[in-house]
Protein backbone atom coordinates (compact mmCIF):
# COMPACT_ATOMS: atom_id res chain seq x y z
CA MET A 1 -5.00 4.82 -9.88
CA THR A 2 -1.72 2.96 -9.96
CA SER A 3 0.11 1.10 -7.23
CA ARG A 4 1.91 3.30 -4.74
CA THR A 5 4.96 1.06 -4.92
CA ALA A 6 6.32 -0.83 -7.89
CA VAL A 7 6.35 -4.54 -7.09
CA HIS A 8 9.04 -6.81 -8.42
CA SER A 9 10.34 -10.33 -7.82
CA LEU A 10 7.02 -11.88 -6.91
CA MET A 11 7.63 -14.79 -9.24
CA ARG A 12 9.63 -16.79 -6.73
CA GLN A 13 6.81 -16.38 -4.23
CA ALA A 14 4.54 -18.08 -6.76
CA VAL A 15 6.73 -20.89 -8.12
CA SER A 16 9.11 -21.99 -5.36
CA GLU A 17 8.63 -25.47 -3.93
CA ARG A 18 7.69 -23.93 -0.60
CA ALA A 19 5.01 -21.77 -2.22
CA LEU A 20 3.60 -24.68 -4.20
CA LYS A 21 3.49 -26.94 -1.12
CA ARG A 22 1.54 -24.28 0.74
CA ALA A 23 -0.85 -23.89 -2.19
CA ALA A 24 -1.30 -27.65 -2.47
CA ARG A 25 -2.24 -27.93 1.20
CA GLN A 26 -4.74 -25.10 0.81
CA CYS A 27 -6.31 -26.79 -2.21
CA MET A 28 -6.44 -30.17 -0.46
CA GLY A 29 -8.39 -28.56 2.37
CA ARG A 30 -11.33 -28.18 0.01
CA THR A 31 -13.35 -30.97 -1.53
CA GLY A 32 -12.97 -31.20 -5.27
CA SER A 33 -13.45 -33.71 -8.04
CA PRO A 34 -10.66 -34.73 -10.43
CA GLY A 35 -9.88 -32.72 -13.53
CA ALA A 36 -9.97 -33.99 -17.10
CA ASP A 37 -6.76 -35.99 -16.55
CA GLY A 38 -8.41 -38.06 -13.81
CA MET A 39 -5.82 -37.13 -11.18
CA THR A 40 -7.25 -37.12 -7.65
CA TRP A 41 -5.81 -35.42 -4.59
CA ARG A 42 -5.19 -38.85 -3.10
CA ALA A 43 -3.10 -39.84 -6.10
CA PHE A 44 -1.25 -36.53 -6.08
CA ARG A 45 -0.31 -36.97 -2.42
CA GLN A 46 1.22 -40.38 -3.07
CA ASP A 47 4.13 -38.79 -4.92
CA MET A 48 3.71 -35.20 -3.82
CA PRO A 49 7.38 -34.23 -3.18
CA ALA A 50 8.47 -35.27 -6.65
CA ARG A 51 5.42 -33.72 -8.29
CA ILE A 52 6.01 -30.40 -6.50
CA THR A 53 9.69 -30.42 -7.45
CA GLY A 54 8.86 -31.04 -11.09
CA LEU A 55 6.12 -28.43 -11.13
CA SER A 56 8.41 -25.81 -9.57
CA ALA A 57 11.11 -26.55 -12.14
CA ALA A 58 8.69 -26.29 -15.06
CA LEU A 59 7.24 -23.01 -13.80
CA SER A 60 10.70 -21.54 -13.18
CA ALA A 61 11.87 -22.56 -16.65
CA GLY A 62 8.71 -21.25 -18.32
CA THR A 63 7.86 -24.66 -19.77
CA TRP A 64 4.71 -25.29 -17.72
CA ARG A 65 1.49 -25.39 -19.69
CA PRO A 66 -2.08 -25.62 -18.34
CA GLY A 67 -3.72 -29.01 -18.53
CA PRO A 68 -7.08 -29.89 -20.08
CA LEU A 69 -10.29 -28.60 -18.54
CA ARG A 70 -13.48 -30.35 -17.51
CA THR A 71 -16.87 -28.74 -16.97
CA GLU A 72 -19.77 -29.66 -14.72
CA GLU A 73 -23.31 -28.30 -14.51
CA PHE A 74 -25.35 -27.97 -11.35
CA ASP A 75 -28.50 -26.28 -10.07
CA ALA A 76 -28.35 -23.66 -7.32
CA TRP A 77 -30.66 -20.80 -6.25
CA GLY A 78 -33.09 -21.64 -9.02
CA LYS A 79 -30.54 -21.42 -11.83
CA ARG A 80 -28.42 -23.76 -13.90
CA HIS A 81 -24.69 -23.11 -13.45
CA THR A 82 -21.59 -24.33 -15.28
CA ILE A 83 -18.28 -24.65 -13.46
CA THR A 84 -14.84 -25.10 -15.01
CA ILE A 85 -12.66 -27.73 -13.32
CA PRO A 86 -8.89 -27.50 -13.90
CA THR A 87 -6.56 -30.37 -13.09
CA VAL A 88 -5.38 -30.61 -9.50
CA THR A 89 -1.91 -29.50 -10.59
CA ASP A 90 -3.31 -26.40 -12.26
CA ARG A 91 -5.37 -25.62 -9.16
CA ILE A 92 -2.12 -25.53 -7.20
CA VAL A 93 -0.60 -23.10 -9.70
CA HIS A 94 -3.68 -20.86 -9.54
CA ARG A 95 -3.59 -20.81 -5.76
CA ALA A 96 0.16 -20.18 -5.55
CA LEU A 97 -0.08 -17.23 -7.92
CA ARG A 98 -2.99 -15.82 -5.96
CA ASN A 99 -1.03 -16.21 -2.70
CA ALA A 100 1.86 -14.24 -4.19
CA VAL A 101 -0.25 -11.41 -5.60
CA GLU A 102 -2.91 -10.86 -2.95
CA PRO A 103 -0.68 -9.26 -0.27
CA VAL A 104 0.02 -6.49 -2.79
CA LEU A 105 -3.69 -6.11 -3.49
CA GLU A 106 -4.49 -6.07 0.23
CA ARG A 107 -2.15 -3.13 0.60
CA ASP A 108 -2.83 -1.16 -2.57
CA ALA A 109 -6.18 -2.20 -4.07
CA TYR A 110 -8.71 -3.47 -1.56
CA PRO A 111 -10.66 -1.02 0.65
CA PRO A 112 -10.96 -1.82 4.37
CA TRP A 113 -14.73 -2.21 4.00
CA MET A 114 -14.49 -5.13 1.55
CA PHE A 115 -15.04 -8.49 3.21
CA GLY A 116 -15.37 -11.06 0.44
CA TRP A 117 -13.06 -13.30 -1.57
CA HIS A 118 -9.82 -12.50 0.25
CA ARG A 119 -8.07 -12.89 3.59
CA ARG A 120 -10.47 -10.54 5.34
CA ALA A 121 -13.35 -12.52 3.86
CA GLY A 122 -16.30 -13.64 5.88
CA ARG A 123 -19.94 -12.78 6.24
CA PRO A 124 -19.71 -12.37 10.04
CA LEU A 125 -17.22 -9.53 9.62
CA ALA A 126 -19.41 -7.83 7.02
CA VAL A 127 -22.49 -8.17 9.23
CA ALA A 128 -20.57 -6.72 12.20
CA ALA A 129 -19.50 -3.72 10.12
CA ALA A 130 -23.06 -3.19 8.91
CA ALA A 131 -24.36 -3.43 12.47
CA ARG A 132 -22.02 -0.63 13.54
CA HIS A 133 -23.27 1.64 10.76
CA LEU A 134 -26.92 0.86 11.45
CA SER A 135 -26.60 1.40 15.20
CA GLY A 136 -24.81 4.68 14.47
CA GLY A 137 -27.93 6.09 12.85
CA LEU A 138 -27.36 5.15 9.19
CA THR A 139 -30.47 3.00 9.11
CA TRP A 140 -31.35 3.27 5.43
CA VAL A 141 -29.43 1.02 3.04
CA ALA A 142 -28.93 1.07 -0.71
CA ASP A 143 -28.44 -2.67 -1.16
CA ILE A 144 -27.13 -3.60 -4.61
CA ASP A 145 -26.22 -7.09 -5.74
CA VAL A 146 -24.11 -6.87 -8.89
CA ALA A 147 -25.52 -8.92 -11.76
CA ALA A 148 -23.11 -11.44 -13.30
CA ALA A 149 -20.03 -9.79 -11.80
CA SER A 150 -17.74 -12.49 -13.20
CA ARG A 151 -18.98 -12.26 -16.79
CA GLY A 152 -18.12 -10.01 -19.69
CA VAL A 153 -14.45 -9.40 -18.83
CA ALA A 154 -11.97 -9.56 -21.73
CA LEU A 155 -8.60 -11.27 -21.30
CA GLU A 156 -6.62 -8.04 -21.63
CA ASP A 157 -8.85 -6.27 -19.13
CA ALA A 158 -8.36 -9.06 -16.59
CA ILE A 159 -4.59 -8.92 -16.99
CA SER A 160 -4.57 -5.12 -16.86
CA SER A 161 -6.53 -5.17 -13.59
CA VAL A 162 -3.60 -7.01 -12.01
CA ALA A 163 -0.92 -5.03 -13.86
CA ARG A 164 -2.19 -1.81 -12.25
CA PHE A 165 -0.77 -3.08 -8.97
CA VAL A 166 1.80 -5.75 -9.86
CA HIS A 167 4.73 -4.82 -12.07
CA ASP A 168 6.47 -8.18 -12.27
CA GLY A 169 6.51 -9.19 -15.94
CA SER A 170 7.09 -12.87 -15.17
CA VAL A 171 4.05 -12.99 -12.91
CA LEU A 172 1.91 -11.28 -15.54
CA ALA A 173 3.16 -13.70 -18.20
CA LEU A 174 2.18 -16.65 -16.00
CA LEU A 175 -1.21 -15.04 -15.39
CA ARG A 176 -1.72 -14.66 -19.13
CA ARG A 177 -0.83 -18.31 -19.71
CA ILE A 178 -3.34 -19.43 -17.10
CA LEU A 179 -6.19 -17.20 -18.25
CA SER A 180 -5.66 -17.89 -21.95
CA ALA A 181 -6.42 -21.56 -21.32
CA LEU A 182 -9.77 -20.84 -19.65
CA PRO A 183 -13.08 -20.47 -21.50
CA ASP A 184 -13.44 -17.07 -19.78
CA PRO A 185 -10.87 -15.15 -17.71
CA LEU A 186 -13.17 -15.14 -14.68
CA ALA A 187 -14.61 -18.59 -15.27
CA PRO A 188 -16.29 -20.07 -12.16
CA GLY A 189 -13.98 -22.77 -10.87
CA SER A 190 -10.74 -20.97 -11.58
CA GLY A 191 -8.66 -20.39 -8.49
CA LEU A 192 -8.03 -16.85 -9.68
CA GLY A 193 -11.68 -15.99 -10.36
CA PRO A 194 -12.47 -14.51 -6.93
CA MET A 195 -9.38 -12.28 -6.97
CA LEU A 196 -10.05 -11.07 -10.51
CA THR A 197 -13.71 -10.40 -9.73
CA ASN A 198 -12.64 -8.27 -6.78
CA LEU A 199 -10.29 -6.37 -9.07
CA ARG A 200 -13.05 -5.82 -11.59
CA MET A 201 -14.98 -3.95 -8.92
CA THR A 202 -11.99 -2.09 -7.48
CA PRO A 203 -12.46 0.99 -9.76
CA VAL A 204 -16.01 1.27 -8.42
CA ASP A 205 -14.79 0.87 -4.83
CA GLN A 206 -12.33 3.71 -5.31
CA GLN A 207 -15.12 6.11 -6.26
CA LEU A 208 -17.26 5.44 -3.19
CA THR A 209 -15.14 7.45 -0.75
CA ALA A 210 -18.01 9.85 0.00
CA TRP A 211 -20.26 7.04 1.21
CA THR A 212 -20.30 4.68 4.18
CA ALA A 213 -20.04 1.33 2.45
CA VAL A 214 -19.63 -2.40 2.96
CA ARG A 215 -18.99 -4.86 0.14
CA MET A 216 -19.39 -8.58 0.70
CA THR A 217 -18.25 -10.36 -2.48
CA ASP A 218 -20.42 -8.77 -5.21
CA ASN A 219 -23.00 -7.26 -2.83
CA TYR A 220 -22.65 -3.53 -2.09
CA THR A 221 -24.44 -1.84 0.80
CA LEU A 222 -24.30 1.96 1.15
CA PHE A 223 -25.59 3.32 4.46
CA ALA A 224 -27.52 6.57 4.85
CA ALA A 225 -29.47 8.44 7.50
CA THR A 226 -32.58 9.03 5.39
CA GLU A 227 -34.46 7.33 2.59
CA PRO A 228 -33.73 10.15 0.07
CA GLU A 229 -30.01 9.84 0.85
CA ALA A 230 -30.19 6.08 0.29
CA GLU A 231 -31.97 6.69 -3.03
CA ALA A 232 -29.18 9.07 -4.07
CA ALA A 233 -26.61 6.45 -3.06
CA TYR A 234 -28.42 3.83 -5.14
CA ARG A 235 -28.42 6.09 -8.20
CA HIS A 236 -24.76 6.98 -7.73
CA LEU A 237 -23.63 3.36 -7.41
CA THR A 238 -25.78 2.28 -10.35
CA GLY A 239 -24.05 4.93 -12.48
CA LEU A 240 -20.60 3.80 -11.37
CA LEU A 241 -21.40 0.19 -12.17
CA ALA A 242 -22.71 1.15 -15.62
CA ALA A 243 -19.50 3.06 -16.32
CA HIS A 244 -17.58 -0.17 -15.75
CA GLY A 245 -19.88 -2.52 -17.66
CA MET A 246 -21.93 -3.77 -14.72
CA LYS A 247 -25.44 -3.29 -13.37
CA PRO A 248 -27.58 -4.20 -10.34
CA ALA A 249 -29.38 -7.51 -10.22
CA GLU A 250 -32.83 -5.95 -9.98
CA ALA A 251 -34.51 -8.86 -8.23
CA LYS A 252 -31.94 -8.77 -5.42
CA SER A 253 -31.30 -5.02 -5.12
CA LYS A 254 -33.37 -2.56 -3.10
CA ILE A 255 -33.53 0.36 -0.69
CA TRP A 256 -34.61 -0.68 2.79
CA ARG A 257 -34.10 -0.55 6.54
CA PRO A 258 -32.70 -3.99 7.36
CA ASN A 259 -31.67 -5.90 10.41
CA PRO A 260 -27.91 -6.52 9.97
CA GLU A 261 -28.40 -10.29 10.07
CA ASP A 262 -30.64 -9.99 7.00
CA LEU A 263 -27.76 -8.66 4.89
CA TYR A 264 -25.34 -10.61 2.68
CA ALA A 265 -27.34 -13.85 2.76
CA ALA A 266 -26.59 -16.26 -0.09
CA GLY A 267 -29.48 -16.81 -2.45
């Protein structure tokens, strides 16, 4: 499937001073440690107008280059995780590009039953949608958590997932520059990782039109009236995931009759 409307001239929406200021404020609203250059948000704010002006000029001229990366390891949900930490300036660029691209994806790529990693994100909305389906008689659920949804994506595949919907060559060139500097195109810690993970699963989403579905981040729930129907849904979704290089996380995937509040819980 390709975008219904060719999209051009998104670059200014990503690199203007206004766009970068907005992205900076969004990034500052989240806690985050300095990147490899040692720059903190406090230090960035001290000379923010000049820094934003310079960053906008470099991006517009095509001379901007990603800064060095830092990595951190942490334990969560019984596993050891590694996160990539860009510089604060690069985080602003990531966020600004995402802000420019996501309205197109909201219109052309994302299904209305997807509630994670975008503007319609939020577990409460996903739970409310699930509650409507369950109360409507679809009480059996094929509940599939996708294993390692952000791993195993090649650079060209990540760029192509955006190019299906965005036809602005300058935006795609900036995306390539950003992703080429990362250890993995969907590396945890990248400001573009959530958007690109959503796009990885979009081809699967588009083939679920026959099912009543909710997706919260990388957790699919297909709703059915009977257990055999839920089993068929589980098999169908497993096949779709396999066709796109993904599979269920077996320990977290099942067929059951849940309370809506038991769905989409982290860990």
